[in-house]
Structures are given as C-alpha cells and as structure tokens.
Amino acid sequence: MLRKLVDYKKLDHNLAVKLIETYSDGYGDDDIITFKNVSGEIIETVELRTDDTIYLVKISNSLANFISNFKENIEKGLDSIIEPITENDVPKTEMELQGENELEEGSTTDQ
C-alpha cells in the first residue's frame, strides 16, 4: 500500500470529502500521528485511507477550522461560482426593442 504525506490544502475534492466524513466530529489525540521529518521538524498528521493509499494529512489549526466549517465553505464556493442574473443580463426581445424605439421617436417629436 502506498503512503503519502500531504497538506490538507492540496487534497483533491474527493479526498477532502473523505477527510470530512472520516473526521466529521473532529479529531482527537488518539487520531494524531506524530513523527520527525528529515529536517528534524516534528510533523503531526491524521490518517486517511483509500483502497490503494494511506495518506498522512498534515494537521494545523487551519485544518481544524476547515473541518468544522466545511459545509459553510462549500456553500460560499457555490455562491461565488453562481452569479445572480440581473435585469441587464437578460437579452431584450424584439418586441421590447421596437417599443423602446417608438418611445424614443415619440419623445423627440414632442420637444
């Protein structure tokens, strides 16, 4: 089985969803895997398993916030993708354009 060390920010969408499902109530001390990297830095991770890979996902305060705010983040992301349609975005029909031309013509003769 392949093992990968990855920051949660670099997870693809499917793995991020799996991470949220796995740790939906957050993670505790028993979930944390701690080790030193080749530079001697202490790294803290949580494990995320798929059929062929064990991911060690680096944890931080921002990961805890990410997990707790995941649903809100998804909704905000969708809101930023889907822009509301305004009146200016709707193309005018031929009838509306003809009506505007008649109004413009009528206003110039009245003056």
C-alpha atoms as a PDB file:
ATOM      1  CA  MET A   1       0.000   0.000   0.000  1.00  0.00           C
ATOM      2  CA  LEU A   2       1.300   3.427  -0.979  1.00  0.00           C
ATOM      3  CA  ARG A   3       1.847   6.018   1.781  1.00  0.00           C
ATOM      4  CA  LYS A   4       1.787   9.749   1.066  1.00  0.00           C
ATOM      5  CA  LEU A   5       2.377  12.790   3.237  1.00  0.00           C
ATOM      6  CA  VAL A   6       0.189  15.671   2.088  1.00  0.00           C
ATOM      7  CA  ASP A   7      -1.060  19.030   3.330  1.00  0.00           C
ATOM      8  CA  TYR A   8      -4.849  19.158   3.524  1.00  0.00           C
ATOM      9  CA  LYS A   9      -4.873  22.205   1.221  1.00  0.00           C
ATOM     10  CA  LYS A  10      -3.505  20.028  -1.589  1.00  0.00           C
ATOM     11  CA  LEU A  11      -6.143  17.297  -1.332  1.00  0.00           C
ATOM     12  CA  ASP A  12      -8.423  16.899  -4.323  1.00  0.00           C
ATOM     13  CA  HIS A  13     -12.147  17.348  -3.768  1.00  0.00           C
ATOM     14  CA  ASN A  14     -12.910  13.630  -3.322  1.00  0.00           C
ATOM     15  CA  LEU A  15     -10.184  13.190  -0.696  1.00  0.00           C
ATOM     16  CA  ALA A  16     -11.275  16.370   1.099  1.00  0.00           C
ATOM     17  CA  VAL A  17     -14.820  14.989   1.307  1.00  0.00           C
ATOM     18  CA  LYS A  18     -13.473  11.659   2.600  1.00  0.00           C
ATOM     19  CA  LEU A  19     -11.415  13.527   5.212  1.00  0.00           C
ATOM     20  CA  ILE A  20     -14.517  15.398   6.370  1.00  0.00           C
ATOM     21  CA  GLU A  21     -16.530  12.175   6.529  1.00  0.00           C
ATOM     22  CA  THR A  22     -13.772  10.377   8.445  1.00  0.00           C
ATOM     23  CA  TYR A  23     -13.311  13.182  10.980  1.00  0.00           C
ATOM     24  CA  SER A  24     -16.794  14.724  10.902  1.00  0.00           C
ATOM     25  CA  ASP A  25     -16.685  15.251  14.681  1.00  0.00           C
ATOM     26  CA  GLY A  26     -13.089  16.473  14.564  1.00  0.00           C
ATOM     27  CA  TYR A  27     -10.011  14.515  15.546  1.00  0.00           C
ATOM     28  CA  GLY A  28      -8.621  13.727  18.961  1.00  0.00           C
ATOM     29  CA  ASP A  29      -5.222  12.950  20.435  1.00  0.00           C
ATOM     30  CA  ASP A  30      -5.653   9.260  19.573  1.00  0.00           C
ATOM     31  CA  ASP A  31      -6.056  10.151  15.877  1.00  0.00           C
ATOM     32  CA  ILE A  32      -2.820  12.149  15.653  1.00  0.00           C
ATOM     33  CA  ILE A  33       0.318  10.502  14.251  1.00  0.00           C
ATOM     34  CA  THR A  34       3.479  12.410  15.190  1.00  0.00           C
ATOM     35  CA  PHE A  35       6.949  11.947  13.665  1.00  0.00           C
ATOM     36  CA  LYS A  36      10.102  13.873  12.749  1.00  0.00           C
ATOM     37  CA  ASN A  37      10.844  14.607   9.102  1.00  0.00           C
ATOM     38  CA  VAL A  38      14.341  14.501   7.583  1.00  0.00           C
ATOM     39  CA  SER A  39      14.920  18.120   8.687  1.00  0.00           C
ATOM     40  CA  GLY A  40      14.171  17.188  12.293  1.00  0.00           C
ATOM     41  CA  GLU A  41      10.858  19.062  12.363  1.00  0.00           C
ATOM     42  CA  ILE A  42       8.014  17.469  14.286  1.00  0.00           C
ATOM     43  CA  ILE A  43       5.107  16.735  11.960  1.00  0.00           C
ATOM     44  CA  GLU A  44       1.582  15.971  13.166  1.00  0.00           C
ATOM     45  CA  THR A  45      -0.821  14.176  10.833  1.00  0.00           C
ATOM     46  CA  VAL A  46      -4.096  12.278  10.729  1.00  0.00           C
ATOM     47  CA  GLU A  47      -4.521   9.138   8.677  1.00  0.00           C
ATOM     48  CA  LEU A  48      -6.819   8.952   5.678  1.00  0.00           C
ATOM     49  CA  ARG A  49      -7.177   5.575   3.925  1.00  0.00           C
ATOM     50  CA  THR A  50      -8.329   4.796   0.413  1.00  0.00           C
ATOM     51  CA  ASP A  51      -8.322   1.428  -1.337  1.00  0.00           C
ATOM     52  CA  ASP A  52      -4.728   1.801  -2.518  1.00  0.00           C
ATOM     53  CA  THR A  53      -3.159   4.617  -0.463  1.00  0.00           C
ATOM     54  CA  ILE A  54      -2.675   5.707   3.131  1.00  0.00           C
ATOM     55  CA  TYR A  55      -2.492   9.484   3.288  1.00  0.00           C
ATOM     56  CA  LEU A  56      -0.912  11.192   6.268  1.00  0.00           C
ATOM     57  CA  VAL A  57      -2.601  14.580   6.200  1.00  0.00           C
ATOM     58  CA  LYS A  58      -0.658  17.336   7.948  1.00  0.00           C
ATOM     59  CA  ILE A  59      -2.724  18.988  10.639  1.00  0.00           C
ATOM     60  CA  SER A  60      -2.801  22.523  11.926  1.00  0.00           C
ATOM     61  CA  ASN A  61      -5.272  24.933  13.436  1.00  0.00           C
ATOM     62  CA  SER A  62      -6.434  25.766   9.934  1.00  0.00           C
ATOM     63  CA  LEU A  63      -7.286  22.084   9.283  1.00  0.00           C
ATOM     64  CA  ALA A  64      -9.470  22.023  12.391  1.00  0.00           C
ATOM     65  CA  ASN A  65     -11.226  25.168  11.138  1.00  0.00           C
ATOM     66  CA  PHE A  66     -11.545  23.649   7.671  1.00  0.00           C
ATOM     67  CA  ILE A  67     -13.265  20.549   9.041  1.00  0.00           C
ATOM     68  CA  SER A  68     -15.628  22.494  11.269  1.00  0.00           C
ATOM     69  CA  ASN A  69     -16.540  24.983   8.529  1.00  0.00           C
ATOM     70  CA  PHE A  70     -16.578  22.598   5.546  1.00  0.00           C
ATOM     71  CA  LYS A  71     -20.282  22.883   4.747  1.00  0.00           C
ATOM     72  CA  GLU A  72     -20.170  26.654   5.006  1.00  0.00           C
ATOM     73  CA  ASN A  73     -17.077  26.766   2.758  1.00  0.00           C
ATOM     74  CA  ILE A  74     -18.812  24.664   0.100  1.00  0.00           C
ATOM     75  CA  GLU A  75     -21.873  26.931   0.132  1.00  0.00           C
ATOM     76  CA  LYS A  76     -19.699  30.043  -0.155  1.00  0.00           C
ATOM     77  CA  GLY A  77     -17.798  28.435  -3.020  1.00  0.00           C
ATOM     78  CA  LEU A  78     -21.009  27.697  -4.868  1.00  0.00           C
ATOM     79  CA  ASP A  79     -22.265  31.223  -4.276  1.00  0.00           C
ATOM     80  CA  SER A  80     -19.088  32.651  -5.807  1.00  0.00           C
ATOM     81  CA  ILE A  81     -19.420  30.399  -8.863  1.00  0.00           C
ATOM     82  CA  ILE A  82     -23.106  31.052  -9.485  1.00  0.00           C
ATOM     83  CA  GLU A  83     -23.678  34.720 -10.140  1.00  0.00           C
ATOM     84  CA  PRO A  84     -27.215  36.052  -9.850  1.00  0.00           C
ATOM     85  CA  ILE A  85     -28.875  37.145 -13.079  1.00  0.00           C
ATOM     86  CA  THR A  86     -29.686  40.825 -13.180  1.00  0.00           C
ATOM     87  CA  GLU A  87     -32.131  42.648 -15.422  1.00  0.00           C
ATOM     88  CA  ASN A  88     -29.209  43.883 -17.537  1.00  0.00           C
ATOM     89  CA  ASP A  89     -28.107  40.279 -18.225  1.00  0.00           C
ATOM     90  CA  VAL A  90     -31.426  39.271 -19.816  1.00  0.00           C
ATOM     91  CA  PRO A  91     -31.497  39.935 -23.568  1.00  0.00           C
ATOM     92  CA  LYS A  92     -34.394  42.071 -24.718  1.00  0.00           C
ATOM     93  CA  THR A  93     -36.948  40.640 -27.088  1.00  0.00           C
ATOM     94  CA  GLU A  94     -37.583  42.145 -30.490  1.00  0.00           C
ATOM     95  CA  MET A  95     -40.938  43.491 -29.270  1.00  0.00           C
ATOM     96  CA  GLU A  96     -39.293  45.311 -26.346  1.00  0.00           C
ATOM     97  CA  LEU A  97     -36.677  46.839 -28.646  1.00  0.00           C
ATOM     98  CA  GLN A  98     -39.365  48.065 -31.073  1.00  0.00           C
ATOM     99  CA  GLY A  99     -41.316  49.574 -28.175  1.00  0.00           C
ATOM    100  CA  GLU A 100     -38.222  51.471 -26.990  1.00  0.00           C
ATOM    101  CA  ASN A 101     -37.582  52.817 -30.491  1.00  0.00           C
ATOM    102  CA  GLU A 102     -41.165  54.088 -30.727  1.00  0.00           C
ATOM    103  CA  LEU A 103     -40.818  55.813 -27.332  1.00  0.00           C
ATOM    104  CA  GLU A 104     -37.552  57.469 -28.367  1.00  0.00           C
ATOM    105  CA  GLU A 105     -39.035  58.640 -31.655  1.00  0.00           C
ATOM    106  CA  GLY A 106     -42.163  59.973 -29.917  1.00  0.00           C
ATOM    107  CA  SER A 107     -40.137  61.886 -27.325  1.00  0.00           C
ATOM    108  CA  THR A 108     -38.115  63.743 -29.949  1.00  0.00           C
ATOM    109  CA  THR A 109     -41.269  64.961 -31.756  1.00  0.00           C
ATOM    110  CA  ASP A 110     -42.842  66.196 -28.528  1.00  0.00           C
ATOM    111  CA  GLN A 111     -39.976  68.536 -27.770  1.00  0.00           C
END
